[in-house]
PDB file of N, CA and C in Angstrom:
ATOM      1  N   MET A   1     132.248 -45.628 146.690  1.00  0.00           N
ATOM      2  CA  MET A   1     132.904 -45.754 145.407  1.00  0.00           C
ATOM      3  C   MET A   1     133.798 -46.994 145.435  1.00  0.00           C
ATOM      4  N   GLU A   2     133.643 -47.825 144.488  1.00  0.00           N
ATOM      5  CA  GLU A   2     134.410 -49.060 144.413  1.00  0.00           C
ATOM      6  C   GLU A   2     135.561 -48.882 143.420  1.00  0.00           C
ATOM      7  N   ILE A   3     136.731 -49.333 143.824  1.00  0.00           N
ATOM      8  CA  ILE A   3     137.915 -49.196 142.982  1.00  0.00           C
ATOM      9  C   ILE A   3     138.186 -50.527 142.300  1.00  0.00           C
ATOM     10  N   ASN A   4     138.403 -50.453 141.009  1.00  0.00           N
ATOM     11  CA  ASN A   4     138.669 -51.646 140.221  1.00  0.00           C
ATOM     12  C   ASN A   4     140.163 -51.985 140.307  1.00  0.00           C
ATOM     13  N   ASN A   5     140.477 -53.177 140.844  1.00  0.00           N
ATOM     14  CA  ASN A   5     141.871 -53.583 141.025  1.00  0.00           C
ATOM     15  C   ASN A   5     142.624 -53.705 139.709  1.00  0.00           C
ATOM     16  N   LYS A   6     141.954 -54.079 138.634  1.00  0.00           N
ATOM     17  CA  LYS A   6     142.619 -54.204 137.332  1.00  0.00           C
ATOM     18  C   LYS A   6     143.134 -52.838 136.858  1.00  0.00           C
ATOM     19  N   ILE A   7     142.342 -51.814 137.097  1.00  0.00           N
ATOM     20  CA  ILE A   7     142.742 -50.462 136.682  1.00  0.00           C
ATOM     21  C   ILE A   7     143.951 -50.013 137.490  1.00  0.00           C
ATOM     22  N   ILE A   8     143.940 -50.281 138.780  1.00  0.00           N
ATOM     23  CA  ILE A   8     145.057 -49.890 139.637  1.00  0.00           C
ATOM     24  C   ILE A   8     146.338 -50.614 139.207  1.00  0.00           C
ATOM     25  N   LEU A   9     146.235 -51.911 138.938  1.00  0.00           N
ATOM     26  CA  LEU A   9     147.409 -52.664 138.494  1.00  0.00           C
ATOM     27  C   LEU A   9     147.953 -52.127 137.178  1.00  0.00           C
ATOM     28  N   LYS A  10     147.067 -51.785 136.264  1.00  0.00           N
ATOM     29  CA  LYS A  10     147.471 -51.229 134.972  1.00  0.00           C
ATOM     30  C   LYS A  10     148.182 -49.880 135.173  1.00  0.00           C
ATOM     31  N   LEU A  11     147.673 -49.056 136.084  1.00  0.00           N
ATOM     32  CA  LEU A  11     148.310 -47.772 136.373  1.00  0.00           C
ATOM     33  C   LEU A  11     149.703 -47.970 136.958  1.00  0.00           C
ATOM     34  N   ILE A  12     149.843 -48.926 137.864  1.00  0.00           N
ATOM     35  CA  ILE A  12     151.143 -49.196 138.471  1.00  0.00           C
ATOM     36  C   ILE A  12     152.141 -49.655 137.414  1.00  0.00           C
ATOM     37  N   GLU A  13     151.718 -50.540 136.519  1.00  0.00           N
ATOM     38  CA  GLU A  13     152.595 -51.007 135.442  1.00  0.00           C
ATOM     39  C   GLU A  13     153.024 -49.849 134.543  1.00  0.00           C
ATOM     40  N   THR A  14     152.079 -48.998 134.206  1.00  0.00           N
ATOM     41  CA  THR A  14     152.373 -47.851 133.350  1.00  0.00           C
ATOM     42  C   THR A  14     153.364 -46.909 134.028  1.00  0.00           C
ATOM     43  N   LEU A  15     153.186 -46.687 135.333  1.00  0.00           N
ATOM     44  CA  LEU A  15     154.110 -45.821 136.066  1.00  0.00           C
ATOM     45  C   LEU A  15     155.509 -46.418 136.126  1.00  0.00           C
ATOM     46  N   GLU A  16     155.610 -47.712 136.308  1.00  0.00           N
ATOM     47  CA  GLU A  16     156.915 -48.380 136.333  1.00  0.00           C
ATOM     48  C   GLU A  16     157.616 -48.241 134.983  1.00  0.00           C
ATOM     49  N   GLU A  17     156.872 -48.394 133.893  1.00  0.00           N
ATOM     50  CA  GLU A  17     157.446 -48.214 132.559  1.00  0.00           C
ATOM     51  C   GLU A  17     157.921 -46.778 132.359  1.00  0.00           C
ATOM     52  N   LEU A  18     157.146 -45.844 132.864  1.00  0.00           N
ATOM     53  CA  LEU A  18     157.500 -44.435 132.762  1.00  0.00           C
ATOM     54  C   LEU A  18     158.785 -44.145 133.540  1.00  0.00           C
ATOM     55  N   LYS A  19     158.912 -44.721 134.743  1.00  0.00           N
ATOM     56  CA  LYS A  19     160.123 -44.543 135.540  1.00  0.00           C
ATOM     57  C   LYS A  19     161.347 -45.037 134.783  1.00  0.00           C
ATOM     58  N   LYS A  20     161.229 -46.203 134.137  1.00  0.00           N
ATOM     59  CA  LYS A  20     162.346 -46.768 133.386  1.00  0.00           C
ATOM     60  C   LYS A  20     162.731 -45.858 132.230  1.00  0.00           C
ATOM     61  N   SER A  21     161.744 -45.330 131.534  1.00  0.00           N
ATOM     62  CA  SER A  21     162.043 -44.482 130.379  1.00  0.00           C
ATOM     63  C   SER A  21     162.675 -43.159 130.818  1.00  0.00           C
ATOM     64  N   VAL A  22     162.290 -42.660 131.975  1.00  0.00           N
ATOM     65  CA  VAL A  22     162.873 -41.415 132.485  1.00  0.00           C
ATOM     66  C   VAL A  22     164.325 -41.647 132.890  1.00  0.00           C
ATOM     67  N   LYS A  23     164.629 -42.794 133.476  1.00  0.00           N
ATOM     68  CA  LYS A  23     166.008 -43.107 133.845  1.00  0.00           C
ATOM     69  C   LYS A  23     166.907 -43.104 132.621  1.00  0.00           C
ATOM     70  N   ASP A  24     166.392 -43.579 131.502  1.00  0.00           N
ATOM     71  CA  ASP A  24     167.161 -43.601 130.261  1.00  0.00           C
ATOM     72  C   ASP A  24     167.411 -42.192 129.725  1.00  0.00           C
ATOM     73  N   LEU A  25     166.571 -41.241 130.093  1.00  0.00           N
ATOM     74  CA  LEU A  25     166.684 -39.878 129.576  1.00  0.00           C
ATOM     75  C   LEU A  25     167.576 -38.985 130.426  1.00  0.00           C
ATOM     76  N   LYS A  26     168.066 -39.479 131.550  1.00  0.00           N
ATOM     77  CA  LYS A  26     168.886 -38.644 132.435  1.00  0.00           C
ATOM     78  C   LYS A  26     170.128 -38.100 131.754  1.00  0.00           C
ATOM     79  N   ASP A  27     170.691 -38.853 130.831  1.00  0.00           N
ATOM     80  CA  ASP A  27     171.913 -38.435 130.162  1.00  0.00           C
ATOM     81  C   ASP A  27     171.677 -37.376 129.091  1.00  0.00           C
ATOM     82  N   ILE A  28     170.437 -37.181 128.720  1.00  0.00           N
ATOM     83  CA  ILE A  28     170.109 -36.207 127.680  1.00  0.00           C
ATOM     84  C   ILE A  28     169.949 -34.837 128.325  1.00  0.00           C
ATOM     85  N   LYS A  29     170.656 -33.847 127.790  1.00  0.00           N
ATOM     86  CA  LYS A  29     170.553 -32.483 128.307  1.00  0.00           C
ATOM     87  C   LYS A  29     169.547 -31.716 127.469  1.00  0.00           C
ATOM     88  N   ILE A  30     168.680 -31.014 128.164  1.00  0.00           N
ATOM     89  CA  ILE A  30     167.693 -30.179 127.482  1.00  0.00           C
ATOM     90  C   ILE A  30     168.255 -28.769 127.419  1.00  0.00           C
ATOM     91  N   GLU A  31     168.427 -28.267 126.204  1.00  0.00           N
ATOM     92  CA  GLU A  31     168.991 -26.939 126.026  1.00  0.00           C
ATOM     93  C   GLU A  31     167.885 -25.899 126.019  1.00  0.00           C
ATOM     94  N   LYS A  32     168.152 -24.805 126.699  1.00  0.00           N
ATOM     95  CA  LYS A  32     167.211 -23.693 126.712  1.00  0.00           C
ATOM     96  C   LYS A  32     167.471 -22.821 125.498  1.00  0.00           C
ATOM     97  N   SER A  33     166.455 -22.067 125.121  1.00  0.00           N
ATOM     98  CA  SER A  33     166.642 -21.147 123.998  1.00  0.00           C
ATOM     99  C   SER A  33     167.599 -20.043 124.416  1.00  0.00           C
ATOM    100  N   ALA A  34     168.130 -19.337 123.471  1.00  0.00           N
ATOM    101  CA  ALA A  34     169.114 -18.293 123.743  1.00  0.00           C
ATOM    102  C   ALA A  34     168.545 -17.223 124.671  1.00  0.00           C
ATOM    103  N   SER A  35     167.281 -16.896 124.524  1.00  0.00           N
ATOM    104  CA  SER A  35     166.689 -15.855 125.350  1.00  0.00           C
ATOM    105  C   SER A  35     166.576 -16.288 126.810  1.00  0.00           C
ATOM    106  N   GLU A  36     166.369 -17.574 127.070  1.00  0.00           N
ATOM    107  CA  GLU A  36     166.282 -18.063 128.437  1.00  0.00           C
ATOM    108  C   GLU A  36     167.660 -18.307 129.021  1.00  0.00           C
ATOM    109  N   ASN A  37     168.600 -18.696 128.186  1.00  0.00           N
ATOM    110  CA  ASN A  37     169.905 -19.136 128.646  1.00  0.00           C
ATOM    111  C   ASN A  37     170.838 -17.971 128.954  1.00  0.00           C
ATOM    112  N   ASP A  38     170.783 -16.919 128.169  1.00  0.00           N
ATOM    113  CA  ASP A  38     171.714 -15.813 128.300  1.00  0.00           C
ATOM    114  C   ASP A  38     171.071 -14.642 129.037  1.00  0.00           C
ATOM    115  N   GLU A  39     171.802 -14.143 130.019  1.00  0.00           N
ATOM    116  CA  GLU A  39     171.367 -12.923 130.687  1.00  0.00           C
ATOM    117  C   GLU A  39     171.811 -11.750 129.829  1.00  0.00           C
ATOM    118  N   ILE A  40     170.978 -10.786 129.678  1.00  0.00           N
ATOM    119  CA  ILE A  40     171.323  -9.602 128.895  1.00  0.00           C
ATOM    120  C   ILE A  40     171.947  -8.585 129.839  1.00  0.00           C
ATOM    121  N   ASP A  41     173.151  -8.139 129.499  1.00  0.00           N
ATOM    122  CA  ASP A  41     173.840  -7.142 130.314  1.00  0.00           C
ATOM    123  C   ASP A  41     173.404  -5.758 129.881  1.00  0.00           C
ATOM    124  N   GLY A  42     173.367  -4.878 130.843  1.00  0.00           N
ATOM    125  CA  GLY A  42     173.030  -3.499 130.545  1.00  0.00           C
ATOM    126  C   GLY A  42     172.501  -2.803 131.785  1.00  0.00           C
ATOM    127  N   ILE A  43     172.010  -1.616 131.584  1.00  0.00           N
ATOM    128  CA  ILE A  43     171.452  -0.820 132.665  1.00  0.00           C
ATOM    129  C   ILE A  43     170.009  -1.256 132.879  1.00  0.00           C
ATOM    130  N   GLU A  44     169.673  -1.613 134.100  1.00  0.00           N
ATOM    131  CA  GLU A  44     168.321  -2.086 134.402  1.00  0.00           C
ATOM    132  C   GLU A  44     167.481  -0.946 134.962  1.00  0.00           C
ATOM    133  N   VAL A  45     166.280  -0.809 134.442  1.00  0.00           N
ATOM    134  CA  VAL A  45     165.302   0.101 135.022  1.00  0.00           C
ATOM    135  C   VAL A  45     164.348  -0.788 135.799  1.00  0.00           C
ATOM    136  N   LYS A  46     164.259  -0.533 137.117  1.00  0.00           N
ATOM    137  CA  LYS A  46     163.480  -1.401 137.990  1.00  0.00           C
ATOM    138  C   LYS A  46     162.212  -0.706 138.463  1.00  0.00           C
ATOM    139  N   SER A  47     161.247  -1.531 138.875  1.00  0.00           N
ATOM    140  CA  SER A  47     159.985  -1.005 139.358  1.00  0.00           C
ATOM    141  C   SER A  47     160.172  -0.349 140.724  1.00  0.00           C
ATOM    142  N   PRO A  48     159.670   0.880 140.874  1.00  0.00           N
ATOM    143  CA  PRO A  48     159.800   1.560 142.161  1.00  0.00           C
ATOM    144  C   PRO A  48     158.757   1.104 143.186  1.00  0.00           C
ATOM    145  N   ILE A  49     157.722   0.389 142.719  1.00  0.00           N
ATOM    146  CA  ILE A  49     156.635  -0.033 143.606  1.00  0.00           C
ATOM    147  C   ILE A  49     156.032  -1.351 143.126  1.00  0.00           C
ATOM    148  N   VAL A  50     155.210  -1.923 143.974  1.00  0.00           N
ATOM    149  CA  VAL A  50     154.435  -3.107 143.604  1.00  0.00           C
ATOM    150  C   VAL A  50     153.190  -2.620 142.884  1.00  0.00           C
ATOM    151  N   GLY A  51     152.803  -3.284 141.804  1.00  0.00           N
ATOM    152  CA  GLY A  51     151.605  -2.880 141.083  1.00  0.00           C
ATOM    153  C   GLY A  51     151.448  -3.628 139.775  1.00  0.00           C
ATOM    154  N   THR A  52     150.740  -3.005 138.845  1.00  0.00           N
ATOM    155  CA  THR A  52     150.510  -3.581 137.524  1.00  0.00           C
ATOM    156  C   THR A  52     151.189  -2.700 136.487  1.00  0.00           C
ATOM    157  N   ALA A  53     152.025  -3.318 135.644  1.00  0.00           N
ATOM    158  CA  ALA A  53     152.777  -2.570 134.635  1.00  0.00           C
ATOM    159  C   ALA A  53     151.943  -2.390 133.375  1.00  0.00           C
ATOM    160  N   TYR A  54     151.982  -1.187 132.843  1.00  0.00           N
ATOM    161  CA  TYR A  54     151.322  -0.880 131.577  1.00  0.00           C
ATOM    162  C   TYR A  54     152.350  -0.245 130.649  1.00  0.00           C
ATOM    163  N   LEU A  55     152.441  -0.770 129.431  1.00  0.00           N
ATOM    164  CA  LEU A  55     153.437  -0.302 128.473  1.00  0.00           C
ATOM    165  C   LEU A  55     152.985   0.917 127.678  1.00  0.00           C
ATOM    166  N   ALA A  56     151.694   1.256 127.773  1.00  0.00           N
ATOM    167  CA  ALA A  56     151.132   2.395 127.032  1.00  0.00           C
ATOM    168  C   ALA A  56     150.248   3.202 127.981  1.00  0.00           C
ATOM    169  N   PRO A  57     149.994   4.469 127.641  1.00  0.00           N
ATOM    170  CA  PRO A  57     149.185   5.308 128.529  1.00  0.00           C
ATOM    171  C   PRO A  57     147.719   4.886 128.624  1.00  0.00           C
ATOM    172  N   GLU A  58     147.230   4.177 127.606  1.00  0.00           N
ATOM    173  CA  GLU A  58     145.852   3.675 127.614  1.00  0.00           C
ATOM    174  C   GLU A  58     145.765   2.478 126.665  1.00  0.00           C
ATOM    175  N   PRO A  59     144.714   1.676 126.789  1.00  0.00           N
ATOM    176  CA  PRO A  59     144.593   0.503 125.899  1.00  0.00           C
ATOM    177  C   PRO A  59     144.612   0.908 124.424  1.00  0.00           C
ATOM    178  N   ASN A  60     145.273   0.113 123.620  1.00  0.00           N
ATOM    179  CA  ASN A  60     145.393   0.300 122.173  1.00  0.00           C
ATOM    180  C   ASN A  60     146.148   1.569 121.763  1.00  0.00           C
ATOM    181  N   ALA A  61     146.851   2.191 122.694  1.00  0.00           N
ATOM    182  CA  ALA A  61     147.657   3.366 122.373  1.00  0.00           C
ATOM    183  C   ALA A  61     149.093   2.935 122.071  1.00  0.00           C
ATOM    184  N   LYS A  62     149.867   3.844 121.524  1.00  0.00           N
ATOM    185  CA  LYS A  62     151.278   3.591 121.218  1.00  0.00           C
ATOM    186  C   LYS A  62     152.045   3.385 122.531  1.00  0.00           C
ATOM    187  N   THR A  63     152.938   2.388 122.544  1.00  0.00           N
ATOM    188  CA  THR A  63     153.716   2.109 123.756  1.00  0.00           C
ATOM    189  C   THR A  63     154.725   3.219 124.022  1.00  0.00           C
ATOM    190  N   PHE A  64     155.119   3.355 125.294  1.00  0.00           N
ATOM    191  CA  PHE A  64     156.087   4.383 125.667  1.00  0.00           C
ATOM    192  C   PHE A  64     157.445   4.134 125.012  1.00  0.00           C
ATOM    193  N   VAL A  65     157.890   2.862 125.020  1.00  0.00           N
ATOM    194  CA  VAL A  65     159.188   2.518 124.435  1.00  0.00           C
ATOM    195  C   VAL A  65     159.085   1.235 123.626  1.00  0.00           C
ATOM    196  N   LYS A  66     160.024   1.084 122.695  1.00  0.00           N
ATOM    197  CA  LYS A  66     160.153  -0.131 121.886  1.00  0.00           C
ATOM    198  C   LYS A  66     161.612  -0.564 121.919  1.00  0.00           C
ATOM    199  N   VAL A  67     161.853  -1.842 121.677  1.00  0.00           N
ATOM    200  CA  VAL A  67     163.226  -2.339 121.600  1.00  0.00           C
ATOM    201  C   VAL A  67     163.931  -1.626 120.453  1.00  0.00           C
ATOM    202  N   GLY A  68     165.148  -1.137 120.735  1.00  0.00           N
ATOM    203  CA  GLY A  68     165.927  -0.415 119.736  1.00  0.00           C
ATOM    204  C   GLY A  68     165.748   1.090 119.791  1.00  0.00           C
ATOM    205  N   GLN A  69     164.801   1.564 120.562  1.00  0.00           N
ATOM    206  CA  GLN A  69     164.516   2.996 120.653  1.00  0.00           C
ATOM    207  C   GLN A  69     165.512   3.691 121.580  1.00  0.00           C
ATOM    208  N   LYS A  70     165.985   4.886 121.172  1.00  0.00           N
ATOM    209  CA  LYS A  70     166.843   5.697 122.030  1.00  0.00           C
ATOM    210  C   LYS A  70     165.962   6.473 123.000  1.00  0.00           C
ATOM    211  N   ILE A  71     166.352   6.446 124.275  1.00  0.00           N
ATOM    212  CA  ILE A  71     165.608   7.217 125.267  1.00  0.00           C
ATOM    213  C   ILE A  71     166.586   8.024 126.114  1.00  0.00           C
ATOM    214  N   LYS A  72     166.063   9.051 126.749  1.00  0.00           N
ATOM    215  CA  LYS A  72     166.879   9.918 127.586  1.00  0.00           C
ATOM    216  C   LYS A  72     166.491   9.735 129.048  1.00  0.00           C
ATOM    217  N   LYS A  73     167.400  10.093 129.912  1.00  0.00           N
ATOM    218  CA  LYS A  73     167.146  10.022 131.351  1.00  0.00           C
ATOM    219  C   LYS A  73     165.901  10.845 131.665  1.00  0.00           C
ATOM    220  N   GLY A  74     164.971  10.235 132.393  1.00  0.00           N
ATOM    221  CA  GLY A  74     163.738  10.925 132.769  1.00  0.00           C
ATOM    222  C   GLY A  74     162.552  10.614 131.872  1.00  0.00           C
ATOM    223  N   ASP A  75     162.800  10.042 130.680  1.00  0.00           N
ATOM    224  CA  ASP A  75     161.686   9.649 129.801  1.00  0.00           C
ATOM    225  C   ASP A  75     160.866   8.553 130.473  1.00  0.00           C
ATOM    226  N   THR A  76     159.552   8.619 130.330  1.00  0.00           N
ATOM    227  CA  THR A  76     158.685   7.575 130.873  1.00  0.00           C
ATOM    228  C   THR A  76     158.851   6.299 130.061  1.00  0.00           C
ATOM    229  N   VAL A  77     159.142   5.184 130.738  1.00  0.00           N
ATOM    230  CA  VAL A  77     159.299   3.914 130.041  1.00  0.00           C
ATOM    231  C   VAL A  77     158.043   3.051 130.168  1.00  0.00           C
ATOM    232  N   MET A  78     157.274   3.257 131.243  1.00  0.00           N
ATOM    233  CA  MET A  78     155.989   2.582 131.434  1.00  0.00           C
ATOM    234  C   MET A  78     155.302   3.164 132.650  1.00  0.00           C
ATOM    235  N   ILE A  79     154.105   2.668 132.901  1.00  0.00           N
ATOM    236  CA  ILE A  79     153.329   3.087 134.070  1.00  0.00           C
ATOM    237  C   ILE A  79     153.150   1.874 134.968  1.00  0.00           C
ATOM    238  N   VAL A  80     153.277   2.094 136.284  1.00  0.00           N
ATOM    239  CA  VAL A  80     152.945   1.042 137.242  1.00  0.00           C
ATOM    240  C   VAL A  80     151.770   1.558 138.068  1.00  0.00           C
ATOM    241  N   GLU A  81     150.646   0.857 137.955  1.00  0.00           N
ATOM    242  CA  GLU A  81     149.442   1.238 138.692  1.00  0.00           C
ATOM    243  C   GLU A  81     149.452   0.568 140.055  1.00  0.00           C
ATOM    244  N   ALA A  82     149.213   1.376 141.082  1.00  0.00           N
ATOM    245  CA  ALA A  82     149.103   0.855 142.440  1.00  0.00           C
ATOM    246  C   ALA A  82     147.972   1.598 143.133  1.00  0.00           C
ATOM    247  N   MET A  83     147.003   0.860 143.606  1.00  0.00           N
ATOM    248  CA  MET A  83     145.854   1.434 144.319  1.00  0.00           C
ATOM    249  C   MET A  83     145.179   2.546 143.513  1.00  0.00           C
ATOM    250  N   LYS A  84     144.920   2.248 142.238  1.00  0.00           N
ATOM    251  CA  LYS A  84     144.227   3.158 141.314  1.00  0.00           C
ATOM    252  C   LYS A  84     145.013   4.434 141.004  1.00  0.00           C
ATOM    253  N   THR A  85     146.306   4.446 141.344  1.00  0.00           N
ATOM    254  CA  THR A  85     147.159   5.580 141.031  1.00  0.00           C
ATOM    255  C   THR A  85     148.142   5.163 139.950  1.00  0.00           C
ATOM    256  N   MET A  86     148.213   5.950 138.882  1.00  0.00           N
ATOM    257  CA  MET A  86     149.106   5.663 137.769  1.00  0.00           C
ATOM    258  C   MET A  86     150.449   6.351 138.019  1.00  0.00           C
ATOM    259  N   ASN A  87     151.481   5.553 138.242  1.00  0.00           N
ATOM    260  CA  ASN A  87     152.818   6.058 138.549  1.00  0.00           C
ATOM    261  C   ASN A  87     153.726   5.894 137.335  1.00  0.00           C
ATOM    262  N   HIS A  88     154.173   7.010 136.777  1.00  0.00           N
ATOM    263  CA  HIS A  88     155.070   6.967 135.621  1.00  0.00           C
ATOM    264  C   HIS A  88     156.451   6.539 136.097  1.00  0.00           C
ATOM    265  N   VAL A  89     157.047   5.582 135.381  1.00  0.00           N
ATOM    266  CA  VAL A  89     158.385   5.099 135.711  1.00  0.00           C
ATOM    267  C   VAL A  89     159.359   5.739 134.737  1.00  0.00           C
ATOM    268  N   PRO A  90     160.253   6.604 135.251  1.00  0.00           N
ATOM    269  CA  PRO A  90     161.211   7.269 134.360  1.00  0.00           C
ATOM    270  C   PRO A  90     162.460   6.427 134.137  1.00  0.00           C
ATOM    271  N   SER A  91     163.117   6.669 133.018  1.00  0.00           N
ATOM    272  CA  SER A  91     164.391   6.015 132.743  1.00  0.00           C
ATOM    273  C   SER A  91     165.439   6.609 133.673  1.00  0.00           C
ATOM    274  N   SER A  92     166.288   5.752 134.198  1.00  0.00           N
ATOM    275  CA  SER A  92     167.326   6.212 135.119  1.00  0.00           C
ATOM    276  C   SER A  92     168.572   6.706 134.381  1.00  0.00           C
ATOM    277  N   GLN A  93     168.667   6.402 133.070  1.00  0.00           N
ATOM    278  CA  GLN A  93     169.834   6.762 132.270  1.00  0.00           C
ATOM    279  C   GLN A  93     169.431   7.004 130.816  1.00  0.00           C
ATOM    280  N   ASP A  94     170.322   7.647 130.067  1.00  0.00           N
ATOM    281  CA  ASP A  94     170.181   7.694 128.617  1.00  0.00           C
ATOM    282  C   ASP A  94     170.560   6.311 128.087  1.00  0.00           C
ATOM    283  N   GLY A  95     169.984   5.917 126.979  1.00  0.00           N
ATOM    284  CA  GLY A  95     170.386   4.644 126.394  1.00  0.00           C
ATOM    285  C   GLY A  95     169.451   4.177 125.305  1.00  0.00           C
ATOM    286  N   ILE A  96     169.708   2.967 124.842  1.00  0.00           N
ATOM    287  CA  ILE A  96     168.889   2.315 123.822  1.00  0.00           C
ATOM    288  C   ILE A  96     168.229   1.118 124.477  1.00  0.00           C
ATOM    289  N   VAL A  97     166.942   0.947 124.265  1.00  0.00           N
ATOM    290  CA  VAL A  97     166.202  -0.161 124.876  1.00  0.00           C
ATOM    291  C   VAL A  97     166.646  -1.471 124.235  1.00  0.00           C
ATOM    292  N   LYS A  98     167.220  -2.368 125.055  1.00  0.00           N
ATOM    293  CA  LYS A  98     167.658  -3.685 124.575  1.00  0.00           C
ATOM    294  C   LYS A  98     166.560  -4.725 124.753  1.00  0.00           C
ATOM    295  N   LYS A  99     165.840  -4.628 125.879  1.00  0.00           N
ATOM    296  CA  LYS A  99     164.815  -5.628 126.161  1.00  0.00           C
ATOM    297  C   LYS A  99     163.765  -5.038 127.089  1.00  0.00           C
ATOM    298  N   ILE A 100     162.508  -5.383 126.805  1.00  0.00           N
ATOM    299  CA  ILE A 100     161.402  -5.065 127.702  1.00  0.00           C
ATOM    300  C   ILE A 100     161.084  -6.365 128.437  1.00  0.00           C
ATOM    301  N   CYS A 101     161.224  -6.351 129.750  1.00  0.00           N
ATOM    302  CA  CYS A 101     161.181  -7.578 130.549  1.00  0.00           C
ATOM    303  C   CYS A 101     159.800  -7.945 131.081  1.00  0.00           C
ATOM    304  N   VAL A 102     158.815  -7.092 130.893  1.00  0.00           N
ATOM    305  CA  VAL A 102     157.461  -7.384 131.381  1.00  0.00           C
ATOM    306  C   VAL A 102     156.461  -7.219 130.249  1.00  0.00           C
ATOM    307  N   LYS A 103     155.314  -7.827 130.418  1.00  0.00           N
ATOM    308  CA  LYS A 103     154.230  -7.708 129.439  1.00  0.00           C
ATOM    309  C   LYS A 103     153.208  -6.705 129.941  1.00  0.00           C
ATOM    310  N   ASP A 104     152.462  -6.151 129.018  1.00  0.00           N
ATOM    311  CA  ASP A 104     151.421  -5.192 129.367  1.00  0.00           C
ATOM    312  C   ASP A 104     150.387  -5.844 130.273  1.00  0.00           C
ATOM    313  N   GLY A 105     150.081  -5.189 131.393  1.00  0.00           N
ATOM    314  CA  GLY A 105     149.082  -5.692 132.329  1.00  0.00           C
ATOM    315  C   GLY A 105     149.609  -6.719 133.315  1.00  0.00           C
ATOM    316  N   GLU A 106     150.912  -6.973 133.289  1.00  0.00           N
ATOM    317  CA  GLU A 106     151.521  -7.973 134.172  1.00  0.00           C
ATOM    318  C   GLU A 106     151.794  -7.379 135.559  1.00  0.00           C
ATOM    319  N   PRO A 107     151.515  -8.138 136.614  1.00  0.00           N
ATOM    320  CA  PRO A 107     151.858  -7.650 137.956  1.00  0.00           C
ATOM    321  C   PRO A 107     153.378  -7.606 138.130  1.00  0.00           C
ATOM    322  N   VAL A 108     153.868  -6.578 138.826  1.00  0.00           N
ATOM    323  CA  VAL A 108     155.303  -6.442 139.087  1.00  0.00           C
ATOM    324  C   VAL A 108     155.542  -6.235 140.576  1.00  0.00           C
ATOM    325  N   GLU A 109     156.731  -6.609 140.995  1.00  0.00           N
ATOM    326  CA  GLU A 109     157.156  -6.463 142.380  1.00  0.00           C
ATOM    327  C   GLU A 109     158.093  -5.269 142.511  1.00  0.00           C
ATOM    328  N   PHE A 110     158.287  -4.807 143.737  1.00  0.00           N
ATOM    329  CA  PHE A 110     159.251  -3.749 144.000  1.00  0.00           C
ATOM    330  C   PHE A 110     160.637  -4.241 143.595  1.00  0.00           C
ATOM    331  N   GLY A 111     161.360  -3.441 142.820  1.00  0.00           N
ATOM    332  CA  GLY A 111     162.714  -3.788 142.418  1.00  0.00           C
ATOM    333  C   GLY A 111     162.811  -4.749 141.249  1.00  0.00           C
ATOM    334  N   GLN A 112     161.664  -5.158 140.685  1.00  0.00           N
ATOM    335  CA  GLN A 112     161.683  -6.076 139.542  1.00  0.00           C
ATOM    336  C   GLN A 112     162.203  -5.354 138.306  1.00  0.00           C
ATOM    337  N   LYS A 113     163.000  -6.069 137.505  1.00  0.00           N
ATOM    338  CA  LYS A 113     163.568  -5.519 136.270  1.00  0.00           C
ATOM    339  C   LYS A 113     162.433  -5.270 135.276  1.00  0.00           C
ATOM    340  N   LEU A 114     162.304  -4.033 134.779  1.00  0.00           N
ATOM    341  CA  LEU A 114     161.275  -3.689 133.803  1.00  0.00           C
ATOM    342  C   LEU A 114     161.826  -3.640 132.392  1.00  0.00           C
ATOM    343  N   ILE A 115     162.934  -2.901 132.228  1.00  0.00           N
ATOM    344  CA  ILE A 115     163.590  -2.840 130.915  1.00  0.00           C
ATOM    345  C   ILE A 115     165.095  -2.863 131.109  1.00  0.00           C
ATOM    346  N   ILE A 116     165.796  -3.198 130.043  1.00  0.00           N
ATOM    347  CA  ILE A 116     167.259  -3.177 130.045  1.00  0.00           C
ATOM    348  C   ILE A 116     167.709  -2.213 128.952  1.00  0.00           C
ATOM    349  N   LEU A 117     168.610  -1.309 129.325  1.00  0.00           N
ATOM    350  CA  LEU A 117     169.150  -0.322 128.384  1.00  0.00           C
ATOM    351  C   LEU A 117     170.579  -0.678 128.020  1.00  0.00           C
ATOM    352  N   GLU A 118     170.964  -0.308 126.821  1.00  0.00           N
ATOM    353  CA  GLU A 118     172.335  -0.503 126.343  1.00  0.00           C
ATOM    354  C   GLU A 118     173.132   0.726 126.667  1.00  0.00           C
TER     355      GLU A 118
END
């Protein structure tokens, strides 16, 4: 494969221009959206195991919880599947769901935040 020197020189020039433009942008702060920037305080319900989180008992079914919903201690908030076993995750406290931190079908780790209660 033969490399064209003109193309390489053009790439180097373009990269140098890019470096200069990035240096000019250092003073500009990129603001995150409110959801990324602010941590939500509250009671965290965490995953008891590693697996796949499911927000409903089966596909296209009603979810266990919704944001704003009142739940009681022991209510199932989601299912975490591990090794073909469906493990119901109970709420650790009474409260109102402030945020659901995982998406349906998303892999979760042990101790990962699943939902936040008020």
